[in-house]
Amino acid sequence: MSDTKRRLLGTVTSNKMDKTIVVEVDSAKMHPLYRKVIRTSKRYMAHDESNSCQIGDRVRIVEHRPMSKRKRWALEEVVEAVSAEA
């Protein structure tokens, strides 16, 4: 059986909580009547067991069982890490 969990690609916007990150996922959709592309973004709380993510990282998150009131996603992998330039 194949894995049917949803996966999203987004950018980390906050890592201030313990083992939790906030990921902003951008999407684009065409308006049905006017045919204009509408860009939207949505923020998801995701579980980061190792506290490894930094703000600006591109990450992939995967659906997970509820871990708290608002946290239903988990970090799958860091796709692109932000460079640590000072």
C-alpha atoms as a PDB file:
ATOM      1  CA  MET A   1       0.000   0.000   0.000  1.00  0.00           C
ATOM      2  CA  SER A   2       1.337   3.432  -0.899  1.00  0.00           C
ATOM      3  CA  ASP A   3       1.756   6.264   1.578  1.00  0.00           C
ATOM      4  CA  THR A   4      -1.279   8.531   1.182  1.00  0.00           C
ATOM      5  CA  LYS A   5      -0.308  11.288   3.594  1.00  0.00           C
ATOM      6  CA  ARG A   6      -0.337  14.838   2.242  1.00  0.00           C
ATOM      7  CA  ARG A   7       2.979  16.640   1.918  1.00  0.00           C
ATOM      8  CA  LEU A   8       3.533  20.404   1.641  1.00  0.00           C
ATOM      9  CA  LEU A   9       6.574  22.518   0.796  1.00  0.00           C
ATOM     10  CA  GLY A  10       7.037  25.797   2.637  1.00  0.00           C
ATOM     11  CA  THR A  11       9.304  28.250   4.443  1.00  0.00           C
ATOM     12  CA  VAL A  12       9.970  28.310   8.180  1.00  0.00           C
ATOM     13  CA  THR A  13       8.753  31.619   9.634  1.00  0.00           C
ATOM     14  CA  SER A  14       9.148  30.892  13.361  1.00  0.00           C
ATOM     15  CA  ASN A  15      11.130  28.464  15.500  1.00  0.00           C
ATOM     16  CA  LYS A  16      10.709  30.059  18.926  1.00  0.00           C
ATOM     17  CA  MET A  17       8.708  27.202  20.433  1.00  0.00           C
ATOM     18  CA  ASP A  18      10.258  24.003  21.755  1.00  0.00           C
ATOM     19  CA  LYS A  19      10.114  21.226  19.105  1.00  0.00           C
ATOM     20  CA  THR A  20       7.651  23.253  17.017  1.00  0.00           C
ATOM     21  CA  ILE A  21       8.090  25.328  13.864  1.00  0.00           C
ATOM     22  CA  VAL A  22       5.666  27.499  11.928  1.00  0.00           C
ATOM     23  CA  VAL A  23       5.770  26.847   8.178  1.00  0.00           C
ATOM     24  CA  GLU A  24       4.247  29.235   5.630  1.00  0.00           C
ATOM     25  CA  VAL A  25       3.007  27.489   2.492  1.00  0.00           C
ATOM     26  CA  ASP A  26       2.330  29.617  -0.604  1.00  0.00           C
ATOM     27  CA  SER A  27      -0.156  28.568  -3.267  1.00  0.00           C
ATOM     28  CA  ALA A  28      -1.529  30.063  -6.462  1.00  0.00           C
ATOM     29  CA  LYS A  29      -4.999  29.517  -7.857  1.00  0.00           C
ATOM     30  CA  MET A  30      -6.861  30.867 -10.862  1.00  0.00           C
ATOM     31  CA  HIS A  31     -10.028  32.901 -10.257  1.00  0.00           C
ATOM     32  CA  PRO A  32     -12.901  30.990 -11.922  1.00  0.00           C
ATOM     33  CA  LEU A  33     -14.517  34.019 -13.595  1.00  0.00           C
ATOM     34  CA  TYR A  34     -11.782  36.623 -14.091  1.00  0.00           C
ATOM     35  CA  ARG A  35      -8.905  34.200 -14.818  1.00  0.00           C
ATOM     36  CA  LYS A  36      -6.513  36.158 -12.611  1.00  0.00           C
ATOM     37  CA  VAL A  37      -3.950  34.245 -10.565  1.00  0.00           C
ATOM     38  CA  ILE A  38      -4.601  34.721  -6.866  1.00  0.00           C
ATOM     39  CA  ARG A  39      -1.694  34.010  -4.537  1.00  0.00           C
ATOM     40  CA  THR A  40      -2.454  32.922  -0.982  1.00  0.00           C
ATOM     41  CA  SER A  41      -0.393  31.713   1.936  1.00  0.00           C
ATOM     42  CA  LYS A  42      -1.289  29.596   4.914  1.00  0.00           C
ATOM     43  CA  ARG A  43       0.664  28.919   8.108  1.00  0.00           C
ATOM     44  CA  TYR A  44       0.963  25.453   9.633  1.00  0.00           C
ATOM     45  CA  MET A  45       2.476  24.410  12.952  1.00  0.00           C
ATOM     46  CA  ALA A  46       4.729  21.392  12.539  1.00  0.00           C
ATOM     47  CA  HIS A  47       6.639  19.130  14.922  1.00  0.00           C
ATOM     48  CA  ASP A  48      10.452  19.410  14.742  1.00  0.00           C
ATOM     49  CA  GLU A  49      11.801  16.719  17.094  1.00  0.00           C
ATOM     50  CA  SER A  50      15.453  17.816  16.930  1.00  0.00           C
ATOM     51  CA  ASN A  51      14.937  21.613  16.887  1.00  0.00           C
ATOM     52  CA  SER A  52      17.110  21.686  13.756  1.00  0.00           C
ATOM     53  CA  CYS A  53      15.239  24.215  11.584  1.00  0.00           C
ATOM     54  CA  GLN A  54      16.152  27.868  11.286  1.00  0.00           C
ATOM     55  CA  ILE A  55      14.015  30.773  10.054  1.00  0.00           C
ATOM     56  CA  GLY A  56      14.138  30.897   6.252  1.00  0.00           C
ATOM     57  CA  ASP A  57      14.719  27.168   5.680  1.00  0.00           C
ATOM     58  CA  ARG A  58      12.699  25.493   2.908  1.00  0.00           C
ATOM     59  CA  VAL A  59      11.120  22.376   4.410  1.00  0.00           C
ATOM     60  CA  ARG A  60       8.737  19.566   3.513  1.00  0.00           C
ATOM     61  CA  ILE A  61       6.062  18.745   6.092  1.00  0.00           C
ATOM     62  CA  VAL A  62       3.834  15.674   6.217  1.00  0.00           C
ATOM     63  CA  GLU A  63       0.428  15.019   7.759  1.00  0.00           C
ATOM     64  CA  HIS A  64       0.623  13.512  11.234  1.00  0.00           C
ATOM     65  CA  ARG A  65      -1.705  12.535  14.036  1.00  0.00           C
ATOM     66  CA  PRO A  66      -2.778  15.460  16.291  1.00  0.00           C
ATOM     67  CA  MET A  67      -0.006  16.314  18.758  1.00  0.00           C
ATOM     68  CA  SER A  68      -1.654  19.373  20.289  1.00  0.00           C
ATOM     69  CA  LYS A  69      -4.572  21.717  19.651  1.00  0.00           C
ATOM     70  CA  ARG A  70      -3.059  23.253  16.491  1.00  0.00           C
ATOM     71  CA  LYS A  71      -0.186  20.918  15.588  1.00  0.00           C
ATOM     72  CA  ARG A  72      -1.139  18.243  13.026  1.00  0.00           C
ATOM     73  CA  TRP A  73       1.976  18.221  10.795  1.00  0.00           C
ATOM     74  CA  ALA A  74       5.518  16.932  11.235  1.00  0.00           C
ATOM     75  CA  LEU A  75       8.813  17.891   9.631  1.00  0.00           C
ATOM     76  CA  GLU A  76       9.788  15.371   6.966  1.00  0.00           C
ATOM     77  CA  GLU A  77      12.993  16.929   5.629  1.00  0.00           C
ATOM     78  CA  VAL A  78      14.883  20.182   5.221  1.00  0.00           C
ATOM     79  CA  VAL A  79      14.986  20.774   1.464  1.00  0.00           C
ATOM     80  CA  GLU A  80      17.202  23.872   1.531  1.00  0.00           C
ATOM     81  CA  ALA A  81      18.919  25.195   4.647  1.00  0.00           C
ATOM     82  CA  VAL A  82      19.558  28.901   5.018  1.00  0.00           C
ATOM     83  CA  SER A  83      23.254  29.784   5.105  1.00  0.00           C
ATOM     84  CA  ALA A  84      24.680  30.885   8.461  1.00  0.00           C
ATOM     85  CA  GLU A  85      26.276  34.156   7.349  1.00  0.00           C
ATOM     86  CA  ALA A  86      26.931  36.766  10.010  1.00  0.00           C
END
